Each structure stands twice: as C-alpha cells, then as structure tokens.
Amino acid sequence: MSELQGRKVAVLMGGRSAERDVSLHTGEQVATALSSTGHLVELIDTATPTFIASLQQGDFDVAFICLHGRFGEDGTMQGLLELLNIPYVGSGVLASALAIDKVMSKHFFSLAEIPTPEYVVVQEGEQSDIAGIVRAVGPKSVVKPAKEGSSFGMSIVHEPAELPAAIELALTYDAQVLVERFIPGVEVTVGVLGNSDLIALPTLEIVPAHEFYDYESKYVPGMCSHIIPARVSKETAEECQRISLEAHRLLGCRGMSRADTIVGEDGSVYLLEVNTIPGMTSTSLLPDSARAAGIEFPQLCEKLVELALEG
C-alpha cells in the first residue's frame, strides 16, 4: 500500500486551448486512476472563472496538470502553482515554456548539437521567401505553428507550390511558424520518467492510418498502431533513448517527458520535439510505453505524483 494514499489531488483539466477536449478526456482518466489508488481527487476545469479560488481554498497536497497546449503546458499554469505554493506534476516554468515553443526548442537542440531536421522560421507579417525556404529545407517539408499541439495547423508540404498555403494555415494558429525538412523514415517516440534519476521507457513506433500523426490518428481508436518496441535495430533504439534523455536534461524537464524522433532511411536519428505533458488518454503513447515496461496506468499516475512531491 502506497505511502501516498490519501493525498488530496487537484486534477487540472479543460482550459482554453485548442486541445480542450483532449484535456478533459485526459483529466477524467487520470482522476479515475488516482481515485483507484486511494487518492482524494477533485477535478478542476481551468476555463471556469473560479478555478484559482478553488485552488487556494482546496488545501491540496499536489496538482496534476492535465492541460495541453496554451495556458497549461506552456509554463503559465506552472507559474501560478508556484505562486500558490502547490506542488505539481511535471516540468517547471522554464522547461515547459521552452518545450512547447517548437522554434525556441529547435534553437536549443541545434546549439547542443542534438541531431534535428534543418529548419526555417517564418514570422507573421513578414514576406515569406519561398525559394529561400526550399533551398534551406528541400522541396518536401513539414510546416507547424510554433506553439500548438495535437498537430493543429500542421501540414506536410510535398512540393514548393503547396508551401504558401501551409504557412498561411499555420499562421492562423500562431504568429511564428516552423518549416523543417521532411525526413522519410520511422517515427519513434520515447517516454522519460524521473527528476534527477531518469529512466527511458521502451521505444514506441507510431504507424498512423493517415500520412502523418494528425489529430484523428492521435485520439480516435483504430486510427494509429503503436508497436513496442519499435522495429529498429537495438543500436538505433538505444540512440533514440539516449537523445530523449539528453533532450529531457537539456530543457530541464522534471517528472516526465516524451520525445518524438524520426529514424531516417540510413538509420540516423533526428529529434523532432519534446512534450512535457504527454497525453494520458486510452490511445496515448506514454501510458502504452509505461505499460510495456510493467507500469500500469494507475501506477504511472501514482509515480508522477510521487515525483512531484520529491521537492
């Protein structure tokens, strides 16, 4: 029986980002898991005007942040909880802000010499140099808003003629857009657990029904296959794990993270991005990887609460 049983946990969910519906689902599943292990759980939708008062008056031992995207995964909620002196699951203000910003985190990966696809940043209000972008990243590319999750606003550009429309779509979600070289290969994600003592979970290969791992692939059962371990060599799998641990440390993550990598056709591993609040739904990646390591979902949630209370 866990010494953590009976803790009062605020599960923060919903919020105001484009990923609100996913967050509500995540929050419900986490609350059910924590309740099953004896915790006293209160669900709080941070889109309600009274949520701060609920946190102040709730006498909570810890907060479990199940918010995805803006106002939850970006350091803002972490800053609020710091001010309220409530311990919380996951990374702090700086790591959260860096990881959600695909442009800033790419700068950090490049400076640290972590392999990552070549990229160009497009700013709202500036004229896009399409020819220059193509020279920098090649004719086939991936276009993403800088600070959006769940693949909102993301496009695969197959030829330069498609690039202006893809950039325009991404700019409807964010004022900065990342255009990176498309690397054909196997998409492998690696979960990391821990604060100072880190463990890399088994590699997970993502096989979406669509061309890329889009919103439907992420959240609709049957639209994506998870293969554990990934169908790559032992050496390549270890490199995916090594890069994921390095990225976790580089950004200063705590508790958990999930790194998305691509294994090129020549076996080279490239880091795409790091998620500090991975999805916790029935179709999510981190829980599947943890399960393959012998950690069932309630125990995973329990472990994350334990890590939050380490100080």
C-alpha atoms as a PDB file:
ATOM      1  CA  MET A   1       0.000   0.000   0.000  1.00  0.00           C
ATOM      2  CA  SER A   2       1.486   3.330  -1.102  1.00  0.00           C
ATOM      3  CA  GLU A   3       2.519   5.896   1.497  1.00  0.00           C
ATOM      4  CA  LEU A   4       0.984   8.457  -0.887  1.00  0.00           C
ATOM      5  CA  GLN A   5      -2.551   7.121  -0.485  1.00  0.00           C
ATOM      6  CA  GLY A   6      -4.965   9.689   0.858  1.00  0.00           C
ATOM      7  CA  ARG A   7      -3.232  12.677  -0.743  1.00  0.00           C
ATOM      8  CA  LYS A   8      -5.593  15.383  -1.907  1.00  0.00           C
ATOM      9  CA  VAL A   9      -5.008  15.938  -5.614  1.00  0.00           C
ATOM     10  CA  ALA A  10      -6.317  18.735  -7.830  1.00  0.00           C
ATOM     11  CA  VAL A  11      -6.613  17.434 -11.390  1.00  0.00           C
ATOM     12  CA  LEU A  12      -6.456  20.487 -13.637  1.00  0.00           C
ATOM     13  CA  MET A  13      -8.171  19.938 -16.970  1.00  0.00           C
ATOM     14  CA  GLY A  14     -10.093  21.578 -19.801  1.00  0.00           C
ATOM     15  CA  GLY A  15      -8.716  25.062 -20.108  1.00  0.00           C
ATOM     16  CA  ARG A  16      -8.938  27.399 -23.093  1.00  0.00           C
ATOM     17  CA  SER A  17      -6.544  25.936 -25.662  1.00  0.00           C
ATOM     18  CA  ALA A  18      -7.431  24.223 -28.934  1.00  0.00           C
ATOM     19  CA  GLU A  19      -6.800  20.943 -27.110  1.00  0.00           C
ATOM     20  CA  ARG A  20      -9.562  21.444 -24.526  1.00  0.00           C
ATOM     21  CA  ASP A  21     -11.499  18.280 -25.444  1.00  0.00           C
ATOM     22  CA  VAL A  22      -8.379  16.118 -25.252  1.00  0.00           C
ATOM     23  CA  SER A  23      -7.527  17.662 -21.884  1.00  0.00           C
ATOM     24  CA  LEU A  24     -10.973  16.862 -20.483  1.00  0.00           C
ATOM     25  CA  HIS A  25     -10.543  13.231 -21.520  1.00  0.00           C
ATOM     26  CA  THR A  26      -7.044  13.077 -20.052  1.00  0.00           C
ATOM     27  CA  GLY A  27      -8.227  14.616 -16.781  1.00  0.00           C
ATOM     28  CA  GLU A  28     -11.060  12.149 -16.373  1.00  0.00           C
ATOM     29  CA  GLN A  29      -8.791   9.150 -16.939  1.00  0.00           C
ATOM     30  CA  VAL A  30      -6.113  10.439 -14.568  1.00  0.00           C
ATOM     31  CA  ALA A  31      -8.727  11.182 -11.891  1.00  0.00           C
ATOM     32  CA  THR A  32     -10.149   7.673 -12.184  1.00  0.00           C
ATOM     33  CA  ALA A  33      -6.674   6.142 -11.931  1.00  0.00           C
ATOM     34  CA  LEU A  34      -5.692   8.201  -8.885  1.00  0.00           C
ATOM     35  CA  SER A  35      -9.007   7.520  -7.157  1.00  0.00           C
ATOM     36  CA  SER A  36      -8.481   3.789  -7.671  1.00  0.00           C
ATOM     37  CA  THR A  37      -5.216   4.005  -5.706  1.00  0.00           C
ATOM     38  CA  GLY A  38      -6.821   5.803  -2.763  1.00  0.00           C
ATOM     39  CA  HIS A  39      -6.214   9.477  -3.514  1.00  0.00           C
ATOM     40  CA  LEU A  40      -8.818  12.154  -2.866  1.00  0.00           C
ATOM     41  CA  VAL A  41      -9.314  13.748  -6.257  1.00  0.00           C
ATOM     42  CA  GLU A  42     -11.030  16.969  -7.264  1.00  0.00           C
ATOM     43  CA  LEU A  43     -11.483  17.813 -10.946  1.00  0.00           C
ATOM     44  CA  ILE A  44     -10.987  21.495 -11.742  1.00  0.00           C
ATOM     45  CA  ASP A  45     -11.721  22.995 -15.150  1.00  0.00           C
ATOM     46  CA  THR A  46      -9.354  25.940 -15.517  1.00  0.00           C
ATOM     47  CA  ALA A  47     -11.726  27.594 -18.004  1.00  0.00           C
ATOM     48  CA  THR A  48     -14.048  28.454 -15.102  1.00  0.00           C
ATOM     49  CA  PRO A  49     -13.566  31.934 -13.551  1.00  0.00           C
ATOM     50  CA  THR A  50     -13.411  30.498 -10.023  1.00  0.00           C
ATOM     51  CA  PHE A  51     -10.666  27.930 -10.581  1.00  0.00           C
ATOM     52  CA  ILE A  52      -7.966  29.966  -8.803  1.00  0.00           C
ATOM     53  CA  ALA A  53     -10.182  30.345  -5.746  1.00  0.00           C
ATOM     54  CA  SER A  54     -10.801  26.582  -5.822  1.00  0.00           C
ATOM     55  CA  LEU A  55      -7.046  26.003  -5.766  1.00  0.00           C
ATOM     56  CA  GLN A  56      -6.485  28.497  -2.962  1.00  0.00           C
ATOM     57  CA  GLN A  57      -9.238  27.079  -0.785  1.00  0.00           C
ATOM     58  CA  GLY A  58      -8.840  23.383  -1.576  1.00  0.00           C
ATOM     59  CA  ASP A  59      -5.959  22.533   0.767  1.00  0.00           C
ATOM     60  CA  PHE A  60      -4.418  20.372  -1.956  1.00  0.00           C
ATOM     61  CA  ASP A  61      -1.259  18.345  -1.447  1.00  0.00           C
ATOM     62  CA  VAL A  62      -0.432  18.334  -5.155  1.00  0.00           C
ATOM     63  CA  ALA A  63      -1.805  19.352  -8.544  1.00  0.00           C
ATOM     64  CA  PHE A  64      -1.834  17.003 -11.523  1.00  0.00           C
ATOM     65  CA  ILE A  65      -1.790  19.179 -14.652  1.00  0.00           C
ATOM     66  CA  CYS A  66      -3.765  17.529 -17.453  1.00  0.00           C
ATOM     67  CA  LEU A  67      -3.843  20.653 -19.603  1.00  0.00           C
ATOM     68  CA  HIS A  68      -2.482  20.537 -23.147  1.00  0.00           C
ATOM     69  CA  GLY A  69      -1.316  23.497 -25.199  1.00  0.00           C
ATOM     70  CA  ARG A  70      -1.565  27.127 -24.156  1.00  0.00           C
ATOM     71  CA  PHE A  71      -2.333  28.169 -20.585  1.00  0.00           C
ATOM     72  CA  GLY A  72      -1.353  24.778 -19.238  1.00  0.00           C
ATOM     73  CA  GLU A  73       1.616  23.205 -20.952  1.00  0.00           C
ATOM     74  CA  ASP A  74       3.440  26.480 -21.618  1.00  0.00           C
ATOM     75  CA  GLY A  75       4.583  27.433 -18.115  1.00  0.00           C
ATOM     76  CA  THR A  76       1.706  29.737 -17.232  1.00  0.00           C
ATOM     77  CA  MET A  77      -0.157  27.252 -15.020  1.00  0.00           C
ATOM     78  CA  GLN A  78       3.147  26.134 -13.524  1.00  0.00           C
ATOM     79  CA  GLY A  79       3.892  29.741 -12.579  1.00  0.00           C
ATOM     80  CA  LEU A  80       0.503  30.113 -10.927  1.00  0.00           C
ATOM     81  CA  LEU A  81       1.005  26.940  -8.886  1.00  0.00           C
ATOM     82  CA  GLU A  82       4.451  28.193  -7.831  1.00  0.00           C
ATOM     83  CA  LEU A  83       2.834  31.398  -6.537  1.00  0.00           C
ATOM     84  CA  LEU A  84       0.172  29.387  -4.718  1.00  0.00           C
ATOM     85  CA  ASN A  85       2.878  27.109  -3.265  1.00  0.00           C
ATOM     86  CA  ILE A  86       1.178  23.952  -4.562  1.00  0.00           C
ATOM     87  CA  PRO A  87       3.498  21.145  -5.766  1.00  0.00           C
ATOM     88  CA  TYR A  88       2.593  19.924  -9.250  1.00  0.00           C
ATOM     89  CA  VAL A  89       3.253  17.051 -11.602  1.00  0.00           C
ATOM     90  CA  GLY A  90       5.703  17.675 -14.418  1.00  0.00           C
ATOM     91  CA  SER A  91       8.193  20.277 -15.533  1.00  0.00           C
ATOM     92  CA  GLY A  92       8.658  23.778 -14.170  1.00  0.00           C
ATOM     93  CA  VAL A  93       8.041  27.156 -15.766  1.00  0.00           C
ATOM     94  CA  LEU A  94      11.150  27.422 -17.933  1.00  0.00           C
ATOM     95  CA  ALA A  95      11.235  23.850 -19.232  1.00  0.00           C
ATOM     96  CA  SER A  96       7.519  23.991 -20.027  1.00  0.00           C
ATOM     97  CA  ALA A  97       7.860  27.267 -21.908  1.00  0.00           C
ATOM     98  CA  LEU A  98      10.872  26.048 -23.877  1.00  0.00           C
ATOM     99  CA  ALA A  99       9.412  22.685 -24.847  1.00  0.00           C
ATOM    100  CA  ILE A 100       6.079  23.982 -26.099  1.00  0.00           C
ATOM    101  CA  ASP A 101       7.845  26.541 -28.295  1.00  0.00           C
ATOM    102  CA  LYS A 102       8.974  24.447 -31.251  1.00  0.00           C
ATOM    103  CA  VAL A 103      11.119  27.292 -32.586  1.00  0.00           C
ATOM    104  CA  MET A 104      12.942  28.004 -29.315  1.00  0.00           C
ATOM    105  CA  SER A 105      13.461  24.326 -28.505  1.00  0.00           C
ATOM    106  CA  LYS A 106      14.864  23.725 -32.012  1.00  0.00           C
ATOM    107  CA  HIS A 107      17.381  26.516 -31.380  1.00  0.00           C
ATOM    108  CA  PHE A 108      18.420  24.748 -28.158  1.00  0.00           C
ATOM    109  CA  PHE A 109      18.693  21.349 -29.864  1.00  0.00           C
ATOM    110  CA  SER A 110      20.876  22.856 -32.574  1.00  0.00           C
ATOM    111  CA  LEU A 111      23.136  24.644 -30.092  1.00  0.00           C
ATOM    112  CA  ALA A 112      23.541  21.419 -28.106  1.00  0.00           C
ATOM    113  CA  GLU A 113      24.335  19.567 -31.347  1.00  0.00           C
ATOM    114  CA  ILE A 114      21.412  17.179 -30.941  1.00  0.00           C
ATOM    115  CA  PRO A 115      20.534  15.993 -34.462  1.00  0.00           C
ATOM    116  CA  THR A 116      17.325  17.670 -35.651  1.00  0.00           C
ATOM    117  CA  PRO A 117      15.985  18.337 -39.168  1.00  0.00           C
ATOM    118  CA  GLU A 118      17.079  21.596 -40.826  1.00  0.00           C
ATOM    119  CA  TYR A 119      14.535  24.345 -40.329  1.00  0.00           C
ATOM    120  CA  VAL A 120      13.453  27.875 -41.159  1.00  0.00           C
ATOM    121  CA  VAL A 121      11.321  30.196 -39.013  1.00  0.00           C
ATOM    122  CA  VAL A 122       8.571  32.270 -40.626  1.00  0.00           C
ATOM    123  CA  GLN A 123       7.218  35.299 -38.745  1.00  0.00           C
ATOM    124  CA  GLU A 124       3.727  36.727 -39.127  1.00  0.00           C
ATOM    125  CA  GLY A 125       3.739  39.970 -41.111  1.00  0.00           C
ATOM    126  CA  GLU A 126       6.946  39.132 -42.962  1.00  0.00           C
ATOM    127  CA  GLN A 127       7.089  38.209 -46.628  1.00  0.00           C
ATOM    128  CA  SER A 128       7.900  34.505 -46.930  1.00  0.00           C
ATOM    129  CA  ASP A 129      10.906  33.751 -49.121  1.00  0.00           C
ATOM    130  CA  ILE A 130       9.566  30.533 -50.617  1.00  0.00           C
ATOM    131  CA  ALA A 131      12.609  29.920 -52.796  1.00  0.00           C
ATOM    132  CA  GLY A 132      14.927  30.517 -49.840  1.00  0.00           C
ATOM    133  CA  ILE A 133      12.948  28.134 -47.631  1.00  0.00           C
ATOM    134  CA  VAL A 134      13.106  25.418 -50.280  1.00  0.00           C
ATOM    135  CA  ARG A 135      16.856  25.893 -50.624  1.00  0.00           C
ATOM    136  CA  ALA A 136      17.254  25.564 -46.851  1.00  0.00           C
ATOM    137  CA  VAL A 137      14.992  22.575 -46.134  1.00  0.00           C
ATOM    138  CA  GLY A 138      14.336  20.933 -49.505  1.00  0.00           C
ATOM    139  CA  PRO A 139      11.195  20.597 -51.646  1.00  0.00           C
ATOM    140  CA  LYS A 140       9.322  18.376 -49.165  1.00  0.00           C
ATOM    141  CA  SER A 141       8.832  19.834 -45.710  1.00  0.00           C
ATOM    142  CA  VAL A 142       6.740  19.873 -42.549  1.00  0.00           C
ATOM    143  CA  VAL A 143       5.035  23.120 -41.510  1.00  0.00           C
ATOM    144  CA  LYS A 144       3.938  23.640 -37.890  1.00  0.00           C
ATOM    145  CA  PRO A 145       2.724  26.513 -35.703  1.00  0.00           C
ATOM    146  CA  ALA A 146       5.396  27.276 -33.101  1.00  0.00           C
ATOM    147  CA  LYS A 147       3.235  26.782 -30.006  1.00  0.00           C
ATOM    148  CA  GLU A 148       0.376  24.444 -30.847  1.00  0.00           C
ATOM    149  CA  GLY A 149      -0.092  20.773 -30.055  1.00  0.00           C
ATOM    150  CA  SER A 150      -2.107  17.790 -31.292  1.00  0.00           C
ATOM    151  CA  SER A 151      -0.953  18.587 -34.849  1.00  0.00           C
ATOM    152  CA  PHE A 152      -3.322  21.573 -35.130  1.00  0.00           C
ATOM    153  CA  GLY A 153      -2.266  23.684 -38.114  1.00  0.00           C
ATOM    154  CA  MET A 154       0.362  21.170 -39.239  1.00  0.00           C
ATOM    155  CA  SER A 155       0.868  20.232 -42.891  1.00  0.00           C
ATOM    156  CA  ILE A 156       3.110  18.028 -44.989  1.00  0.00           C
ATOM    157  CA  VAL A 157       4.303  20.018 -47.997  1.00  0.00           C
ATOM    158  CA  HIS A 158       5.019  17.709 -50.950  1.00  0.00           C
ATOM    159  CA  GLU A 159       6.185  20.361 -53.393  1.00  0.00           C
ATOM    160  CA  PRO A 160       7.078  24.066 -53.166  1.00  0.00           C
ATOM    161  CA  ALA A 161       3.741  25.179 -54.664  1.00  0.00           C
ATOM    162  CA  GLU A 162       1.978  23.920 -51.515  1.00  0.00           C
ATOM    163  CA  LEU A 163       4.191  25.891 -49.139  1.00  0.00           C
ATOM    164  CA  PRO A 164       2.397  29.296 -49.100  1.00  0.00           C
ATOM    165  CA  ALA A 165      -0.971  27.749 -48.187  1.00  0.00           C
ATOM    166  CA  ALA A 166       0.611  25.575 -45.482  1.00  0.00           C
ATOM    167  CA  ILE A 167       2.322  28.614 -43.942  1.00  0.00           C
ATOM    168  CA  GLU A 168      -0.914  30.591 -44.083  1.00  0.00           C
ATOM    169  CA  LEU A 169      -2.775  27.789 -42.299  1.00  0.00           C
ATOM    170  CA  ALA A 170      -0.128  27.559 -39.569  1.00  0.00           C
ATOM    171  CA  LEU A 171      -0.212  31.348 -39.077  1.00  0.00           C
ATOM    172  CA  THR A 172      -3.887  31.118 -38.137  1.00  0.00           C
ATOM    173  CA  TYR A 173      -2.709  29.287 -35.005  1.00  0.00           C
ATOM    174  CA  ASP A 174       0.462  31.205 -34.125  1.00  0.00           C
ATOM    175  CA  ALA A 175       2.490  34.250 -35.087  1.00  0.00           C
ATOM    176  CA  GLN A 176       5.575  32.075 -35.650  1.00  0.00           C
ATOM    177  CA  VAL A 177       5.787  29.057 -37.918  1.00  0.00           C
ATOM    178  CA  LEU A 178       8.418  26.346 -38.145  1.00  0.00           C
ATOM    179  CA  VAL A 179       9.239  24.871 -41.547  1.00  0.00           C
ATOM    180  CA  GLU A 180      11.522  21.843 -41.284  1.00  0.00           C
ATOM    181  CA  ARG A 181      12.960  19.321 -43.705  1.00  0.00           C
ATOM    182  CA  PHE A 182      10.799  16.234 -44.173  1.00  0.00           C
ATOM    183  CA  ILE A 183      12.774  13.162 -43.115  1.00  0.00           C
ATOM    184  CA  PRO A 184      11.299   9.936 -44.524  1.00  0.00           C
ATOM    185  CA  GLY A 185      11.584   7.115 -42.050  1.00  0.00           C
ATOM    186  CA  VAL A 186      10.176   5.544 -38.907  1.00  0.00           C
ATOM    187  CA  GLU A 187       8.609   7.759 -36.239  1.00  0.00           C
ATOM    188  CA  VAL A 188       9.746   6.620 -32.795  1.00  0.00           C
ATOM    189  CA  THR A 189       8.701   8.177 -29.510  1.00  0.00           C
ATOM    190  CA  VAL A 190      10.418   7.669 -26.151  1.00  0.00           C
ATOM    191  CA  GLY A 191       8.968   8.468 -22.746  1.00  0.00           C
ATOM    192  CA  VAL A 192      11.244   9.597 -19.935  1.00  0.00           C
ATOM    193  CA  LEU A 193      10.389   9.359 -16.236  1.00  0.00           C
ATOM    194  CA  GLY A 194      12.193  10.882 -13.276  1.00  0.00           C
ATOM    195  CA  ASN A 195      13.689  14.022 -11.771  1.00  0.00           C
ATOM    196  CA  SER A 196      17.409  13.540 -11.165  1.00  0.00           C
ATOM    197  CA  ASP A 197      17.421   9.755 -11.698  1.00  0.00           C
ATOM    198  CA  LEU A 198      15.984   9.241 -15.174  1.00  0.00           C
ATOM    199  CA  ILE A 199      14.726   6.164 -16.976  1.00  0.00           C
ATOM    200  CA  ALA A 200      13.923   5.930 -20.668  1.00  0.00           C
ATOM    201  CA  LEU A 201      10.837   3.840 -21.394  1.00  0.00           C
ATOM    202  CA  PRO A 202      10.784   1.330 -24.268  1.00  0.00           C
ATOM    203  CA  THR A 203      10.766   2.746 -27.782  1.00  0.00           C
ATOM    204  CA  LEU A 204       7.343   3.032 -29.415  1.00  0.00           C
ATOM    205  CA  GLU A 205       6.874   3.124 -33.180  1.00  0.00           C
ATOM    206  CA  ILE A 206       3.968   5.204 -34.429  1.00  0.00           C
ATOM    207  CA  VAL A 207       2.141   3.881 -37.502  1.00  0.00           C
ATOM    208  CA  PRO A 208      -0.723   6.294 -38.305  1.00  0.00           C
ATOM    209  CA  ALA A 209      -3.550   5.459 -40.707  1.00  0.00           C
ATOM    210  CA  HIS A 210      -3.050   8.856 -42.350  1.00  0.00           C
ATOM    211  CA  GLU A 211       0.063  10.354 -43.934  1.00  0.00           C
ATOM    212  CA  PHE A 212       1.223  11.735 -40.595  1.00  0.00           C
ATOM    213  CA  TYR A 213       0.334  11.524 -36.913  1.00  0.00           C
ATOM    214  CA  ASP A 214      -2.550  14.005 -37.063  1.00  0.00           C
ATOM    215  CA  TYR A 215      -5.333  14.767 -34.580  1.00  0.00           C
ATOM    216  CA  GLU A 216      -7.514  11.846 -35.686  1.00  0.00           C
ATOM    217  CA  SER A 217      -4.567   9.450 -35.555  1.00  0.00           C
ATOM    218  CA  LYS A 218      -3.778  10.588 -32.014  1.00  0.00           C
ATOM    219  CA  TYR A 219      -7.222  10.384 -30.486  1.00  0.00           C
ATOM    220  CA  VAL A 220      -9.538   8.129 -32.500  1.00  0.00           C
ATOM    221  CA  PRO A 221      -9.156   4.442 -31.573  1.00  0.00           C
ATOM    222  CA  GLY A 222      -8.053   2.323 -34.510  1.00  0.00           C
ATOM    223  CA  MET A 223      -6.520   5.211 -36.468  1.00  0.00           C
ATOM    224  CA  CYS A 224      -2.979   4.507 -35.319  1.00  0.00           C
ATOM    225  CA  SER A 225      -0.911   1.473 -34.350  1.00  0.00           C
ATOM    226  CA  HIS A 226       1.634   1.528 -31.546  1.00  0.00           C
ATOM    227  CA  ILE A 227       4.433  -1.007 -31.967  1.00  0.00           C
ATOM    228  CA  ILE A 228       6.580  -1.667 -28.869  1.00  0.00           C
ATOM    229  CA  PRO A 229       9.485  -1.963 -29.166  1.00  0.00           C
ATOM    230  CA  ALA A 230       9.948   0.000 -32.374  1.00  0.00           C
ATOM    231  CA  ARG A 231      11.055  -2.025 -35.400  1.00  0.00           C
ATOM    232  CA  VAL A 232      14.561  -0.616 -35.473  1.00  0.00           C
ATOM    233  CA  SER A 233      17.925  -2.101 -34.578  1.00  0.00           C
ATOM    234  CA  LYS A 234      18.989  -2.396 -30.948  1.00  0.00           C
ATOM    235  CA  GLU A 235      21.657   0.263 -31.537  1.00  0.00           C
ATOM    236  CA  THR A 236      19.131   2.638 -33.122  1.00  0.00           C
ATOM    237  CA  ALA A 237      16.647   2.114 -30.286  1.00  0.00           C
ATOM    238  CA  GLU A 238      19.367   2.930 -27.760  1.00  0.00           C
ATOM    239  CA  GLU A 239      20.215   6.086 -29.712  1.00  0.00           C
ATOM    240  CA  CYS A 240      16.552   7.162 -29.652  1.00  0.00           C
ATOM    241  CA  GLN A 241      16.556   6.677 -25.884  1.00  0.00           C
ATOM    242  CA  ARG A 242      19.887   8.480 -25.453  1.00  0.00           C
ATOM    243  CA  ILE A 243      18.703  11.507 -27.419  1.00  0.00           C
ATOM    244  CA  SER A 244      15.422  11.583 -25.486  1.00  0.00           C
ATOM    245  CA  LEU A 245      17.259  11.580 -22.150  1.00  0.00           C
ATOM    246  CA  GLU A 246      19.635  14.266 -23.394  1.00  0.00           C
ATOM    247  CA  ALA A 247      16.750  16.465 -24.521  1.00  0.00           C
ATOM    248  CA  HIS A 248      14.957  15.994 -21.184  1.00  0.00           C
ATOM    249  CA  ARG A 249      18.080  17.158 -19.331  1.00  0.00           C
ATOM    250  CA  LEU A 250      18.827  19.972 -21.789  1.00  0.00           C
ATOM    251  CA  LEU A 251      15.420  21.606 -21.354  1.00  0.00           C
ATOM    252  CA  GLY A 252      15.407  20.983 -17.595  1.00  0.00           C
ATOM    253  CA  CYS A 253      12.344  18.732 -17.576  1.00  0.00           C
ATOM    254  CA  ARG A 254      11.048  17.045 -14.435  1.00  0.00           C
ATOM    255  CA  GLY A 255       8.735  14.147 -13.735  1.00  0.00           C
ATOM    256  CA  MET A 256       8.052  13.095 -17.288  1.00  0.00           C
ATOM    257  CA  SER A 257       8.564  13.983 -20.909  1.00  0.00           C
ATOM    258  CA  ARG A 258       8.048  12.352 -24.256  1.00  0.00           C
ATOM    259  CA  ALA A 259      10.488  12.928 -27.102  1.00  0.00           C
ATOM    260  CA  ASP A 260       9.422  12.407 -30.693  1.00  0.00           C
ATOM    261  CA  THR A 261      12.164  11.255 -33.049  1.00  0.00           C
ATOM    262  CA  ILE A 262      12.400  10.134 -36.643  1.00  0.00           C
ATOM    263  CA  VAL A 263      14.719   7.359 -37.760  1.00  0.00           C
ATOM    264  CA  GLY A 264      15.866   8.124 -41.294  1.00  0.00           C
ATOM    265  CA  GLU A 265      16.258   5.546 -44.021  1.00  0.00           C
ATOM    266  CA  ASP A 266      20.020   5.458 -43.338  1.00  0.00           C
ATOM    267  CA  GLY A 267      19.431   4.766 -39.623  1.00  0.00           C
ATOM    268  CA  SER A 268      20.214   8.301 -38.449  1.00  0.00           C
ATOM    269  CA  VAL A 269      18.060   9.537 -35.545  1.00  0.00           C
ATOM    270  CA  TYR A 270      16.661  13.072 -35.524  1.00  0.00           C
ATOM    271  CA  LEU A 271      14.880  14.754 -32.624  1.00  0.00           C
ATOM    272  CA  LEU A 272      11.634  16.479 -33.612  1.00  0.00           C
ATOM    273  CA  GLU A 273      10.223  17.845 -30.349  1.00  0.00           C
ATOM    274  CA  VAL A 274       9.721  17.248 -26.631  1.00  0.00           C
ATOM    275  CA  ASN A 275       6.337  17.138 -24.889  1.00  0.00           C
ATOM    276  CA  THR A 276       6.276  17.963 -21.183  1.00  0.00           C
ATOM    277  CA  ILE A 277       2.615  16.975 -20.651  1.00  0.00           C
ATOM    278  CA  PRO A 278       2.067  13.962 -22.899  1.00  0.00           C
ATOM    279  CA  GLY A 279      -1.457  12.733 -23.480  1.00  0.00           C
ATOM    280  CA  MET A 280      -2.914  10.390 -20.877  1.00  0.00           C
ATOM    281  CA  THR A 281      -5.909   9.031 -22.814  1.00  0.00           C
ATOM    282  CA  SER A 282      -6.593   5.396 -23.666  1.00  0.00           C
ATOM    283  CA  THR A 283      -4.868   5.853 -27.052  1.00  0.00           C
ATOM    284  CA  SER A 284      -1.893   7.855 -25.749  1.00  0.00           C
ATOM    285  CA  LEU A 285       1.773   7.000 -26.231  1.00  0.00           C
ATOM    286  CA  LEU A 286       3.386   7.436 -22.816  1.00  0.00           C
ATOM    287  CA  PRO A 287       0.935   5.138 -20.981  1.00  0.00           C
ATOM    288  CA  ASP A 288       1.467   2.456 -23.644  1.00  0.00           C
ATOM    289  CA  SER A 289       5.250   2.678 -23.277  1.00  0.00           C
ATOM    290  CA  ALA A 290       4.974   2.554 -19.485  1.00  0.00           C
ATOM    291  CA  ARG A 291       2.704  -0.477 -19.700  1.00  0.00           C
ATOM    292  CA  ALA A 292       5.336  -2.233 -21.830  1.00  0.00           C
ATOM    293  CA  ALA A 293       7.819  -1.517 -19.011  1.00  0.00           C
ATOM    294  CA  GLY A 294       5.476  -3.132 -16.490  1.00  0.00           C
ATOM    295  CA  ILE A 295       3.943   0.102 -15.177  1.00  0.00           C
ATOM    296  CA  GLU A 296       0.144   0.049 -15.390  1.00  0.00           C
ATOM    297  CA  PHE A 297      -1.720   3.340 -15.783  1.00  0.00           C
ATOM    298  CA  PRO A 298      -2.745   3.807 -12.100  1.00  0.00           C
ATOM    299  CA  GLN A 299       0.839   3.114 -11.005  1.00  0.00           C
ATOM    300  CA  LEU A 300       2.145   5.559 -13.615  1.00  0.00           C
ATOM    301  CA  CYS A 301      -0.099   8.320 -12.270  1.00  0.00           C
ATOM    302  CA  GLU A 302       0.937   7.404  -8.723  1.00  0.00           C
ATOM    303  CA  LYS A 303       4.613   7.556  -9.696  1.00  0.00           C
ATOM    304  CA  LEU A 304       4.166  11.028 -11.209  1.00  0.00           C
ATOM    305  CA  VAL A 305       2.546  12.292  -8.005  1.00  0.00           C
ATOM    306  CA  GLU A 306       5.459  10.829  -6.034  1.00  0.00           C
ATOM    307  CA  LEU A 307       7.960  12.619  -8.294  1.00  0.00           C
ATOM    308  CA  ALA A 308       6.060  15.897  -7.879  1.00  0.00           C
ATOM    309  CA  LEU A 309       6.388  15.656  -4.108  1.00  0.00           C
ATOM    310  CA  GLU A 310      10.134  14.967  -4.170  1.00  0.00           C
ATOM    311  CA  GLY A 311      10.724  18.716  -3.978  1.00  0.00           C
END
